[in-house]
Amino acid sequence: RIRTKDAGERNLQFALSEIDRMASALGVPRSVREVASVI
């Protein structure tokens, strides 16, 4: 609970977990996940 201090961070946490889930399903390398997170 305390890892996210506001709604913005919760939004980011959910979005990045979605990117990680989809990247795993597609079988793309780690570098793609990093670039997607930066975008």
Full PDB file with SEQRES, HELIX, SHEET, SSBOND, CRYST1, ORIGX, SCALE, CONECT and MASTER records, all heavy atoms in Angstrom:
SEQRES   1 A   39  ARG ILE ARG THR LYS ASP ALA GLY GLU ARG ASN LEU GLN          
SEQRES   2 A   39  PHE ALA LEU SER GLU ILE ASP ARG MET ALA SER ALA LEU          
SEQRES   3 A   39  GLY VAL PRO ARG SER VAL ARG GLU VAL ALA SER VAL ILE          
HELIX    1 AA1 ALA A    7  LEU A   26  1                                  20    
HELIX    2 AA2 ARG A   30  VAL A   38  1                                   9    
CRYST1    1.000    1.000    1.000  90.00  90.00  90.00 P 1           1          
ORIGX1      1.000000  0.000000  0.000000        0.00000                         
ORIGX2      0.000000  1.000000  0.000000        0.00000                         
ORIGX3      0.000000  0.000000  1.000000        0.00000                         
SCALE1      1.000000  0.000000  0.000000        0.00000                         
SCALE2      0.000000  1.000000  0.000000        0.00000                         
SCALE3      0.000000  0.000000  1.000000        0.00000                         
ATOM      1  N   ARG A   1       0.812  -1.220   0.000  1.00  0.00           N  
ATOM      2  CA  ARG A   1       0.000   0.000   0.000  1.00  0.00           C  
ATOM      3  C   ARG A   1       0.842   1.266   0.000  1.00  0.00           C  
ATOM      4  O   ARG A   1       0.545   2.225  -0.697  1.00  0.00           O  
ATOM      5  CB  ARG A   1      -0.932   0.005   1.227  1.00  0.00           C  
ATOM      6  CG  ARG A   1      -2.090  -0.967   1.090  1.00  0.00           C  
ATOM      7  CD  ARG A   1      -2.904  -1.008   2.365  1.00  0.00           C  
ATOM      8  NE  ARG A   1      -3.998  -1.969   2.278  1.00  0.00           N  
ATOM      9  CZ  ARG A   1      -4.766  -2.318   3.310  1.00  0.00           C  
ATOM     10  NH1 ARG A   1      -4.544  -1.793   4.513  1.00  0.00           N  
ATOM     11  NH2 ARG A   1      -5.740  -3.184   3.136  1.00  0.00           N  
ATOM     12  N   ILE A   2       1.914   1.246   0.795  1.00  0.00           N  
ATOM     13  CA  ILE A   2       2.707   2.479   0.926  1.00  0.00           C  
ATOM     14  C   ILE A   2       3.692   2.684  -0.219  1.00  0.00           C  
ATOM     15  O   ILE A   2       4.295   3.743  -0.335  1.00  0.00           O  
ATOM     16  CB  ILE A   2       3.464   2.537   2.278  1.00  0.00           C  
ATOM     17  CG1 ILE A   2       4.485   1.393   2.376  1.00  0.00           C  
ATOM     18  CG2 ILE A   2       2.494   2.541   3.439  1.00  0.00           C  
ATOM     19  CD1 ILE A   2       5.383   1.470   3.592  1.00  0.00           C  
ATOM     20  N   ARG A   3       3.843   1.682  -1.081  1.00  0.00           N  
ATOM     21  CA  ARG A   3       4.744   1.859  -2.229  1.00  0.00           C  
ATOM     22  C   ARG A   3       4.196   2.871  -3.225  1.00  0.00           C  
ATOM     23  O   ARG A   3       4.936   3.458  -4.000  1.00  0.00           O  
ATOM     24  CB  ARG A   3       4.966   0.518  -2.944  1.00  0.00           C  
ATOM     25  CG  ARG A   3       5.946  -0.394  -2.231  1.00  0.00           C  
ATOM     26  CD  ARG A   3       6.139  -1.682  -2.989  1.00  0.00           C  
ATOM     27  NE  ARG A   3       6.943  -1.485  -4.202  1.00  0.00           N  
ATOM     28  CZ  ARG A   3       7.162  -2.446  -5.092  1.00  0.00           C  
ATOM     29  NH1 ARG A   3       6.625  -3.631  -4.930  1.00  0.00           N  
ATOM     30  NH2 ARG A   3       7.907  -2.209  -6.150  1.00  0.00           N  
ATOM     31  N   THR A   4       2.885   3.052  -3.253  1.00  0.00           N  
ATOM     32  CA  THR A   4       2.276   4.061  -4.131  1.00  0.00           C  
ATOM     33  C   THR A   4       1.665   5.152  -3.267  1.00  0.00           C  
ATOM     34  O   THR A   4       0.789   4.884  -2.454  1.00  0.00           O  
ATOM     35  CB  THR A   4       1.185   3.426  -5.011  1.00  0.00           C  
ATOM     36  OG1 THR A   4       0.275   2.705  -4.163  1.00  0.00           O  
ATOM     37  CG2 THR A   4       1.779   2.467  -6.004  1.00  0.00           C  
ATOM     38  N   LYS A   5       2.132   6.389  -3.453  1.00  0.00           N  
ATOM     39  CA  LYS A   5       1.683   7.472  -2.567  1.00  0.00           C  
ATOM     40  C   LYS A   5       0.424   8.170  -3.069  1.00  0.00           C  
ATOM     41  O   LYS A   5      -0.266   8.822  -2.301  1.00  0.00           O  
ATOM     42  CB  LYS A   5       2.815   8.488  -2.389  1.00  0.00           C  
ATOM     43  CG  LYS A   5       3.244   9.184  -3.671  1.00  0.00           C  
ATOM     44  CD  LYS A   5       4.382  10.140  -3.415  1.00  0.00           C  
ATOM     45  CE  LYS A   5       4.801  10.823  -4.724  1.00  0.00           C  
ATOM     46  NZ  LYS A   5       5.970  11.659  -4.561  1.00  0.00           N  
ATOM     47  N   ASP A   6       0.141   8.096  -4.393  1.00  0.00           N  
ATOM     48  CA  ASP A   6      -1.043   8.800  -4.913  1.00  0.00           C  
ATOM     49  C   ASP A   6      -1.612   8.043  -6.120  1.00  0.00           C  
ATOM     50  O   ASP A   6      -1.091   7.008  -6.547  1.00  0.00           O  
ATOM     51  CB  ASP A   6      -0.692  10.237  -5.308  1.00  0.00           C  
ATOM     52  CG  ASP A   6       0.494  10.323  -6.259  1.00  0.00           C  
ATOM     53  OD1 ASP A   6       0.682   9.370  -7.040  1.00  0.00           O  
ATOM     54  OD2 ASP A   6       1.229  11.321  -6.218  1.00  0.00           O  
ATOM     55  N   ALA A   7      -2.692   8.606  -6.683  1.00  0.00           N  
ATOM     56  CA  ALA A   7      -3.374   7.959  -7.811  1.00  0.00           C  
ATOM     57  C   ALA A   7      -2.464   7.863  -9.032  1.00  0.00           C  
ATOM     58  O   ALA A   7      -2.528   6.893  -9.793  1.00  0.00           O  
ATOM     59  CB  ALA A   7      -4.634   8.742  -8.163  1.00  0.00           C  
ATOM     60  N   GLY A   8      -1.610   8.866  -9.237  1.00  0.00           N  
ATOM     61  CA  GLY A   8      -0.683   8.864 -10.375  1.00  0.00           C  
ATOM     62  C   GLY A   8       0.251   7.673 -10.340  1.00  0.00           C  
ATOM     63  O   GLY A   8       0.501   7.039 -11.363  1.00  0.00           O  
ATOM     64  N   GLU A   9       0.776   7.378  -9.154  1.00  0.00           N  
ATOM     65  CA  GLU A   9       1.692   6.238  -9.018  1.00  0.00           C  
ATOM     66  C   GLU A   9       0.951   4.917  -9.164  1.00  0.00           C  
ATOM     67  O   GLU A   9       1.492   3.953  -9.693  1.00  0.00           O  
ATOM     68  CB  GLU A   9       2.425   6.298  -7.671  1.00  0.00           C  
ATOM     69  CG  GLU A   9       3.569   7.289  -7.668  1.00  0.00           C  
ATOM     70  CD  GLU A   9       4.581   6.991  -6.576  1.00  0.00           C  
ATOM     71  OE1 GLU A   9       4.388   6.019  -5.825  1.00  0.00           O  
ATOM     72  OE2 GLU A   9       5.555   7.751  -6.482  1.00  0.00           O  
ATOM     73  N   ARG A  10      -0.304   4.871  -8.680  1.00  0.00           N  
ATOM     74  CA  ARG A  10      -1.100   3.644  -8.837  1.00  0.00           C  
ATOM     75  C   ARG A  10      -1.390   3.399 -10.320  1.00  0.00           C  
ATOM     76  O   ARG A  10      -1.350   2.269 -10.800  1.00  0.00           O  
ATOM     77  CB  ARG A  10      -2.404   3.747  -8.042  1.00  0.00           C  
ATOM     78  CG  ARG A  10      -2.222   3.478  -6.557  1.00  0.00           C  
ATOM     79  CD  ARG A  10      -3.543   3.246  -5.853  1.00  0.00           C  
ATOM     80  NE  ARG A  10      -4.395   4.436  -5.857  1.00  0.00           N  
ATOM     81  CZ  ARG A  10      -4.298   5.436  -4.971  1.00  0.00           C  
ATOM     82  NH1 ARG A  10      -3.367   5.390  -4.018  1.00  0.00           N  
ATOM     83  NH2 ARG A  10      -5.113   6.462  -5.017  1.00  0.00           N  
ATOM     84  N   ASN A  11      -1.690   4.490 -11.028  1.00  0.00           N  
ATOM     85  CA  ASN A  11      -1.903   4.421 -12.483  1.00  0.00           C  
ATOM     86  C   ASN A  11      -0.660   3.846 -13.162  1.00  0.00           C  
ATOM     87  O   ASN A  11      -0.736   2.915 -13.963  1.00  0.00           O  
ATOM     88  CB  ASN A  11      -2.201   5.850 -12.982  1.00  0.00           C  
ATOM     89  CG  ASN A  11      -2.174   6.000 -14.502  1.00  0.00           C  
ATOM     90  OD1 ASN A  11      -1.459   5.304 -15.201  1.00  0.00           O  
ATOM     91  ND2 ASN A  11      -2.931   6.947 -15.004  1.00  0.00           N  
ATOM     92  N   LEU A  12       0.507   4.396 -12.817  1.00  0.00           N  
ATOM     93  CA  LEU A  12       1.773   3.962 -13.410  1.00  0.00           C  
ATOM     94  C   LEU A  12       2.071   2.497 -13.081  1.00  0.00           C  
ATOM     95  O   LEU A  12       2.504   1.734 -13.944  1.00  0.00           O  
ATOM     96  CB  LEU A  12       2.903   4.869 -12.923  1.00  0.00           C  
ATOM     97  CG  LEU A  12       4.287   4.657 -13.551  1.00  0.00           C  
ATOM     98  CD1 LEU A  12       4.235   4.875 -15.057  1.00  0.00           C  
ATOM     99  CD2 LEU A  12       5.298   5.610 -12.923  1.00  0.00           C  
ATOM    100  N   GLN A  13       1.822   2.119 -11.833  1.00  0.00           N  
ATOM    101  CA  GLN A  13       2.070   0.740 -11.400  1.00  0.00           C  
ATOM    102  C   GLN A  13       1.222  -0.240 -12.212  1.00  0.00           C  
ATOM    103  O   GLN A  13       1.725  -1.266 -12.689  1.00  0.00           O  
ATOM    104  CB  GLN A  13       1.763   0.594  -9.911  1.00  0.00           C  
ATOM    105  CG  GLN A  13       2.130  -0.773  -9.349  1.00  0.00           C  
ATOM    106  CD  GLN A  13       1.807  -0.884  -7.866  1.00  0.00           C  
ATOM    107  OE1 GLN A  13       0.834  -0.288  -7.382  1.00  0.00           O  
ATOM    108  NE2 GLN A  13       2.607  -1.623  -7.130  1.00  0.00           N  
ATOM    109  N   PHE A  14      -0.060   0.098 -12.393  1.00  0.00           N  
ATOM    110  CA  PHE A  14      -0.958  -0.783 -13.149  1.00  0.00           C  
ATOM    111  C   PHE A  14      -0.526  -0.866 -14.615  1.00  0.00           C  
ATOM    112  O   PHE A  14      -0.493  -1.944 -15.203  1.00  0.00           O  
ATOM    113  CB  PHE A  14      -2.399  -0.268 -13.051  1.00  0.00           C  
ATOM    114  CG  PHE A  14      -3.369  -1.022 -13.912  1.00  0.00           C  
ATOM    115  CD1 PHE A  14      -3.666  -2.352 -13.644  1.00  0.00           C  
ATOM    116  CD2 PHE A  14      -3.967  -0.417 -15.010  1.00  0.00           C  
ATOM    117  CE1 PHE A  14      -4.551  -3.062 -14.447  1.00  0.00           C  
ATOM    118  CE2 PHE A  14      -4.851  -1.114 -15.817  1.00  0.00           C  
ATOM    119  CZ  PHE A  14      -5.148  -2.439 -15.532  1.00  0.00           C  
ATOM    120  N   ALA A  15      -0.192   0.295 -15.202  1.00  0.00           N  
ATOM    121  CA  ALA A  15       0.201   0.338 -16.613  1.00  0.00           C  
ATOM    122  C   ALA A  15       1.469  -0.471 -16.866  1.00  0.00           C  
ATOM    123  O   ALA A  15       1.552  -1.240 -17.837  1.00  0.00           O  
ATOM    124  CB  ALA A  15       0.405   1.780 -17.056  1.00  0.00           C  
ATOM    125  N   LEU A  16       2.464  -0.321 -15.996  1.00  0.00           N  
ATOM    126  CA  LEU A  16       3.728  -1.036 -16.184  1.00  0.00           C  
ATOM    127  C   LEU A  16       3.561  -2.540 -15.979  1.00  0.00           C  
ATOM    128  O   LEU A  16       4.229  -3.332 -16.636  1.00  0.00           O  
ATOM    129  CB  LEU A  16       4.802  -0.484 -15.240  1.00  0.00           C  
ATOM    130  CG  LEU A  16       5.203   0.981 -15.481  1.00  0.00           C  
ATOM    131  CD1 LEU A  16       6.262   1.416 -14.491  1.00  0.00           C  
ATOM    132  CD2 LEU A  16       5.701   1.195 -16.905  1.00  0.00           C  
ATOM    133  N   SER A  17       2.658  -2.924 -15.079  1.00  0.00           N  
ATOM    134  CA  SER A  17       2.395  -4.359 -14.901  1.00  0.00           C  
ATOM    135  C   SER A  17       1.690  -4.927 -16.137  1.00  0.00           C  
ATOM    136  O   SER A  17       1.920  -6.074 -16.525  1.00  0.00           O  
ATOM    137  CB  SER A  17       1.552  -4.614 -13.650  1.00  0.00           C  
ATOM    138  OG  SER A  17       0.257  -4.064 -13.794  1.00  0.00           O  
ATOM    139  N   GLU A  18       0.832  -4.100 -16.777  1.00  0.00           N  
ATOM    140  CA  GLU A  18       0.171  -4.515 -18.023  1.00  0.00           C  
ATOM    141  C   GLU A  18       1.203  -4.709 -19.140  1.00  0.00           C  
ATOM    142  O   GLU A  18       1.146  -5.669 -19.892  1.00  0.00           O  
ATOM    143  CB  GLU A  18      -0.851  -3.453 -18.458  1.00  0.00           C  
ATOM    144  CG  GLU A  18      -2.219  -3.611 -17.852  1.00  0.00           C  
ATOM    145  CD  GLU A  18      -2.918  -4.851 -18.370  1.00  0.00           C  
ATOM    146  OE1 GLU A  18      -3.375  -4.882 -19.519  1.00  0.00           O  
ATOM    147  OE2 GLU A  18      -2.995  -5.832 -17.612  1.00  0.00           O  
ATOM    148  N   ILE A  19       2.132  -3.757 -19.244  1.00  0.00           N  
ATOM    149  CA  ILE A  19       3.196  -3.860 -20.265  1.00  0.00           C  
ATOM    150  C   ILE A  19       4.005  -5.135 -20.042  1.00  0.00           C  
ATOM    151  O   ILE A  19       4.306  -5.870 -20.987  1.00  0.00           O  
ATOM    152  CB  ILE A  19       4.105  -2.613 -20.230  1.00  0.00           C  
ATOM    153  CG1 ILE A  19       3.360  -1.397 -20.800  1.00  0.00           C  
ATOM    154  CG2 ILE A  19       5.395  -2.845 -21.006  1.00  0.00           C  
ATOM    155  CD1 ILE A  19       4.089  -0.078 -20.622  1.00  0.00           C  
ATOM    156  N   ASP A  20       4.336  -5.416 -18.788  1.00  0.00           N  
ATOM    157  CA  ASP A  20       5.118  -6.610 -18.448  1.00  0.00           C  
ATOM    158  C   ASP A  20       4.358  -7.886 -18.818  1.00  0.00           C  
ATOM    159  O   ASP A  20       4.928  -8.827 -19.375  1.00  0.00           O  
ATOM    160  CB  ASP A  20       5.455  -6.593 -16.962  1.00  0.00           C  
ATOM    161  CG  ASP A  20       6.658  -7.470 -16.649  1.00  0.00           C  
ATOM    162  OD1 ASP A  20       7.694  -7.307 -17.314  1.00  0.00           O  
ATOM    163  OD2 ASP A  20       6.549  -8.309 -15.745  1.00  0.00           O  
ATOM    164  N   ARG A  21       3.054  -7.896 -18.514  1.00  0.00           N  
ATOM    165  CA  ARG A  21       2.213  -9.072 -18.814  1.00  0.00           C  
ATOM    166  C   ARG A  21       2.159  -9.326 -20.320  1.00  0.00           C  
ATOM    167  O   ARG A  21       2.368 -10.446 -20.787  1.00  0.00           O  
ATOM    168  CB  ARG A  21       0.805  -8.852 -18.266  1.00  0.00           C  
ATOM    169  CG  ARG A  21      -0.167  -9.998 -18.534  1.00  0.00           C  
ATOM    170  CD  ARG A  21      -1.589  -9.634 -18.141  1.00  0.00           C  
ATOM    171  NE  ARG A  21      -2.142  -8.575 -18.966  1.00  0.00           N  
ATOM    172  CZ  ARG A  21      -2.605  -8.739 -20.205  1.00  0.00           C  
ATOM    173  NH1 ARG A  21      -2.556  -9.930 -20.788  1.00  0.00           N  
ATOM    174  NH2 ARG A  21      -3.125  -7.723 -20.873  1.00  0.00           N  
ATOM    175  N   MET A  22       1.884  -8.260 -21.084  1.00  0.00           N  
ATOM    176  CA  MET A  22       1.757  -8.408 -22.547  1.00  0.00           C  
ATOM    177  C   MET A  22       3.102  -8.769 -23.185  1.00  0.00           C  
ATOM    178  O   MET A  22       3.158  -9.589 -24.108  1.00  0.00           O  
ATOM    179  CB  MET A  22       1.208  -7.117 -23.161  1.00  0.00           C  
ATOM    180  CG  MET A  22      -0.242  -6.840 -22.807  1.00  0.00           C  
ATOM    181  SD  MET A  22      -0.914  -5.398 -23.654  1.00  0.00           S  
ATOM    182  CE  MET A  22      -0.068  -4.059 -22.833  1.00  0.00           C  
ATOM    183  N   ALA A  23       4.181  -8.161 -22.699  1.00  0.00           N  
ATOM    184  CA  ALA A  23       5.515  -8.456 -23.241  1.00  0.00           C  
ATOM    185  C   ALA A  23       5.879  -9.916 -22.999  1.00  0.00           C  
ATOM    186  O   ALA A  23       6.482 -10.568 -23.864  1.00  0.00           O  
ATOM    187  CB  ALA A  23       6.551  -7.533 -22.606  1.00  0.00           C  
ATOM    188  N   SER A  24       5.506 -10.444 -21.833  1.00  0.00           N  
ATOM    189  CA  SER A  24       5.771 -11.864 -21.535  1.00  0.00           C  
ATOM    190  C   SER A  24       4.981 -12.762 -22.481  1.00  0.00           C  
ATOM    191  O   SER A  24       5.499 -13.769 -22.974  1.00  0.00           O  
ATOM    192  CB  SER A  24       5.390 -12.182 -20.085  1.00  0.00           C  
ATOM    193  OG  SER A  24       6.198 -11.477 -19.193  1.00  0.00           O  
ATOM    194  N   ALA A  25       3.723 -12.389 -22.733  1.00  0.00           N  
ATOM    195  CA  ALA A  25       2.874 -13.191 -23.624  1.00  0.00           C  
ATOM    196  C   ALA A  25       3.400 -13.169 -25.056  1.00  0.00           C  
ATOM    197  O   ALA A  25       3.305 -14.169 -25.779  1.00  0.00           O  
ATOM    198  CB  ALA A  25       1.437 -12.667 -23.584  1.00  0.00           C  
ATOM    199  N   LEU A  26       3.989 -12.037 -25.465  1.00  0.00           N  
ATOM    200  CA  LEU A  26       4.520 -11.916 -26.829  1.00  0.00           C  
ATOM    201  C   LEU A  26       5.918 -12.511 -26.959  1.00  0.00           C  
ATOM    202  O   LEU A  26       6.397 -12.741 -28.068  1.00  0.00           O  
ATOM    203  CB  LEU A  26       4.570 -10.438 -27.248  1.00  0.00           C  
ATOM    204  CG  LEU A  26       3.239  -9.751 -27.548  1.00  0.00           C  
ATOM    205  CD1 LEU A  26       3.443  -8.246 -27.661  1.00  0.00           C  
ATOM    206  CD2 LEU A  26       2.626 -10.298 -28.823  1.00  0.00           C  
ATOM    207  N   GLY A  27       6.593 -12.696 -25.818  1.00  0.00           N  
ATOM    208  CA  GLY A  27       7.946 -13.261 -25.833  1.00  0.00           C  
ATOM    209  C   GLY A  27       8.995 -12.301 -26.357  1.00  0.00           C  
ATOM    210  O   GLY A  27       9.947 -12.717 -27.002  1.00  0.00           O  
ATOM    211  N   VAL A  28       8.812 -11.009 -26.065  1.00  0.00           N  
ATOM    212  CA  VAL A  28       9.805 -10.013 -26.529  1.00  0.00           C  
ATOM    213  C   VAL A  28      10.882  -9.822 -25.455  1.00  0.00           C  
ATOM    214  O   VAL A  28      10.625 -10.043 -24.271  1.00  0.00           O  
ATOM    215  CB  VAL A  28       9.134  -8.659 -26.862  1.00  0.00           C  
ATOM    216  CG1 VAL A  28       8.226  -8.795 -28.062  1.00  0.00           C  
ATOM    217  CG2 VAL A  28       8.375  -8.085 -25.674  1.00  0.00           C  
ATOM    218  N   PRO A  29      12.087  -9.406 -25.827  1.00  0.00           N  
ATOM    219  CA  PRO A  29      13.171  -9.273 -24.843  1.00  0.00           C  
ATOM    220  C   PRO A  29      12.978  -8.125 -23.860  1.00  0.00           C  
ATOM    221  O   PRO A  29      12.101  -7.264 -24.027  1.00  0.00           O  
ATOM    222  CB  PRO A  29      14.415  -9.028 -25.705  1.00  0.00           C  
ATOM    223  CG  PRO A  29      13.912  -8.555 -27.006  1.00  0.00           C  
ATOM    224  CD  PRO A  29      12.557  -9.155 -27.188  1.00  0.00           C  
ATOM    225  N   ARG A  30      13.835  -8.102 -22.840  1.00  0.00           N  
ATOM    226  CA  ARG A  30      13.760  -7.118 -21.759  1.00  0.00           C  
ATOM    227  C   ARG A  30      13.903  -5.680 -22.271  1.00  0.00           C  
ATOM    228  O   ARG A  30      13.283  -4.778 -21.747  1.00  0.00           O  
ATOM    229  CB  ARG A  30      14.881  -7.425 -20.754  1.00  0.00           C  
ATOM    230  CG  ARG A  30      14.824  -6.638 -19.466  1.00  0.00           C  
ATOM    231  CD  ARG A  30      13.899  -7.268 -18.465  1.00  0.00           C  
ATOM    232  NE  ARG A  30      13.607  -6.387 -17.354  1.00  0.00           N  
ATOM    233  CZ  ARG A  30      12.625  -6.595 -16.494  1.00  0.00           C  
ATOM    234  NH1 ARG A  30      11.839  -7.639 -16.638  1.00  0.00           N  
ATOM    235  NH2 ARG A  30      12.401  -5.777 -15.503  1.00  0.00           N  
ATOM    236  N   SER A  31      14.731  -5.486 -23.273  1.00  0.00           N  
ATOM    237  CA  SER A  31      14.968  -4.129 -23.780  1.00  0.00           C  
ATOM    238  C   SER A  31      13.679  -3.492 -24.285  1.00  0.00           C  
ATOM    239  O   SER A  31      13.472  -2.290 -24.133  1.00  0.00           O  
ATOM    240  CB  SER A  31      16.002  -4.155 -24.905  1.00  0.00           C  
ATOM    241  OG  SER A  31      15.536  -4.933 -25.994  1.00  0.00           O  
ATOM    242  N   VAL A  32      12.788  -4.300 -24.882  1.00  0.00           N  
ATOM    243  CA  VAL A  32      11.509  -3.782 -25.399  1.00  0.00           C  
ATOM    244  C   VAL A  32      10.638  -3.301 -24.246  1.00  0.00           C  
ATOM    245  O   VAL A  32       9.985  -2.256 -24.328  1.00  0.00           O  
ATOM    246  CB  VAL A  32      10.775  -4.858 -26.230  1.00  0.00           C  
ATOM    247  CG1 VAL A  32       9.387  -4.390 -26.644  1.00  0.00           C  
ATOM    248  CG2 VAL A  32      11.586  -5.210 -27.469  1.00  0.00           C  
ATOM    249  N   ARG A  33      10.646  -4.044 -23.137  1.00  0.00           N  
ATOM    250  CA  ARG A  33       9.858  -3.649 -21.953  1.00  0.00           C  
ATOM    251  C   ARG A  33      10.361  -2.325 -21.394  1.00  0.00           C  
ATOM    252  O   ARG A  33       9.572  -1.469 -20.982  1.00  0.00           O  
ATOM    253  CB  ARG A  33       9.935  -4.737 -20.878  1.00  0.00           C  
ATOM    254  CG  ARG A  33       9.486  -6.091 -21.375  1.00  0.00           C  
ATOM    255  CD  ARG A  33       9.576  -7.144 -20.286  1.00  0.00           C  
ATOM    256  NE  ARG A  33       9.485  -8.474 -20.879  1.00  0.00           N  
ATOM    257  CZ  ARG A  33       9.179  -9.582 -20.207  1.00  0.00           C  
ATOM    258  NH1 ARG A  33       8.941  -9.507 -18.926  1.00  0.00           N  
ATOM    259  NH2 ARG A  33       9.112 -10.741 -20.809  1.00  0.00           N  
ATOM    260  N   GLU A  34      11.683  -2.178 -21.358  1.00  0.00           N  
ATOM    261  CA  GLU A  34      12.265  -0.931 -20.843  1.00  0.00           C  
ATOM    262  C   GLU A  34      11.852   0.261 -21.715  1.00  0.00           C  
ATOM    263  O   GLU A  34      11.451   1.301 -21.205  1.00  0.00           O  
ATOM    264  CB  GLU A  34      13.798  -1.038 -20.805  1.00  0.00           C  
ATOM    265  CG  GLU A  34      14.348  -1.995 -19.768  1.00  0.00           C  
ATOM    266  CD  GLU A  34      14.345  -1.439 -18.348  1.00  0.00           C  
ATOM    267  OE1 GLU A  34      14.136  -0.231 -18.180  1.00  0.00           O  
ATOM    268  OE2 GLU A  34      14.529  -2.247 -17.409  1.00  0.00           O  
ATOM    269  N   VAL A  35      11.955   0.096 -23.045  1.00  0.00           N  
ATOM    270  CA  VAL A  35      11.602   1.176 -23.977  1.00  0.00           C  
ATOM    271  C   VAL A  35      10.118   1.504 -23.864  1.00  0.00           C  
ATOM    272  O   VAL A  35       9.725   2.680 -23.846  1.00  0.00           O  
ATOM    273  CB  VAL A  35      11.977   0.800 -25.426  1.00  0.00           C  
ATOM    274  CG1 VAL A  35      11.462   1.831 -26.419  1.00  0.00           C  
ATOM    275  CG2 VAL A  35      13.484   0.660 -25.566  1.00  0.00           C  
ATOM    276  N   ALA A  36       9.261   0.467 -23.782  1.00  0.00           N  
ATOM    277  CA  ALA A  36       7.814   0.682 -23.651  1.00  0.00           C  
ATOM    278  C   ALA A  36       7.495   1.445 -22.366  1.00  0.00           C  
ATOM    279  O   ALA A  36       6.646   2.349 -22.362  1.00  0.00           O  
ATOM    280  CB  ALA A  36       7.086  -0.660 -23.660  1.00  0.00           C  
ATOM    281  N   SER A  37       8.192   1.116 -21.278  1.00  0.00           N  
ATOM    282  CA  SER A  37       7.974   1.797 -19.998  1.00  0.00           C  
ATOM    283  C   SER A  37       8.373   3.269 -20.079  1.00  0.00           C  
ATOM    284  O   SER A  37       7.690   4.141 -19.544  1.00  0.00           O  
ATOM    285  CB  SER A  37       8.768   1.109 -18.878  1.00  0.00           C  
ATOM    286  OG  SER A  37       8.416  -0.256 -18.787  1.00  0.00           O  
ATOM    287  N   VAL A  38       9.488   3.547 -20.778  1.00  0.00           N  
ATOM    288  CA  VAL A  38       9.943   4.935 -20.941  1.00  0.00           C  
ATOM    289  C   VAL A  38       8.929   5.723 -21.766  1.00  0.00           C  
ATOM    290  O   VAL A  38       8.589   6.872 -21.435  1.00  0.00           O  
ATOM    291  CB  VAL A  38      11.338   4.977 -21.609  1.00  0.00           C  
ATOM    292  CG1 VAL A  38      11.715   6.397 -22.005  1.00  0.00           C  
ATOM    293  CG2 VAL A  38      12.389   4.403 -20.667  1.00  0.00           C  
ATOM    294  N   ILE A  39       8.402   5.112 -22.840  1.00  0.00           N  
ATOM    295  CA  ILE A  39       7.405   5.782 -23.690  1.00  0.00           C  
ATOM    296  C   ILE A  39       6.142   6.084 -22.879  1.00  0.00           C  
ATOM    297  O   ILE A  39       5.580   7.187 -22.966  1.00  0.00           O  
ATOM    298  CB  ILE A  39       7.068   4.921 -24.930  1.00  0.00           C  
ATOM    299  CG1 ILE A  39       8.275   4.866 -25.869  1.00  0.00           C  
ATOM    300  CG2 ILE A  39       5.846   5.470 -25.669  1.00  0.00           C  
ATOM    301  CD1 ILE A  39       8.130   3.875 -27.013  1.00  0.00           C  
TER     302      ILE A  39                                                      
MASTER        0    0    0    2    0    0    0    6  301    1    0    3          
END                                                                             
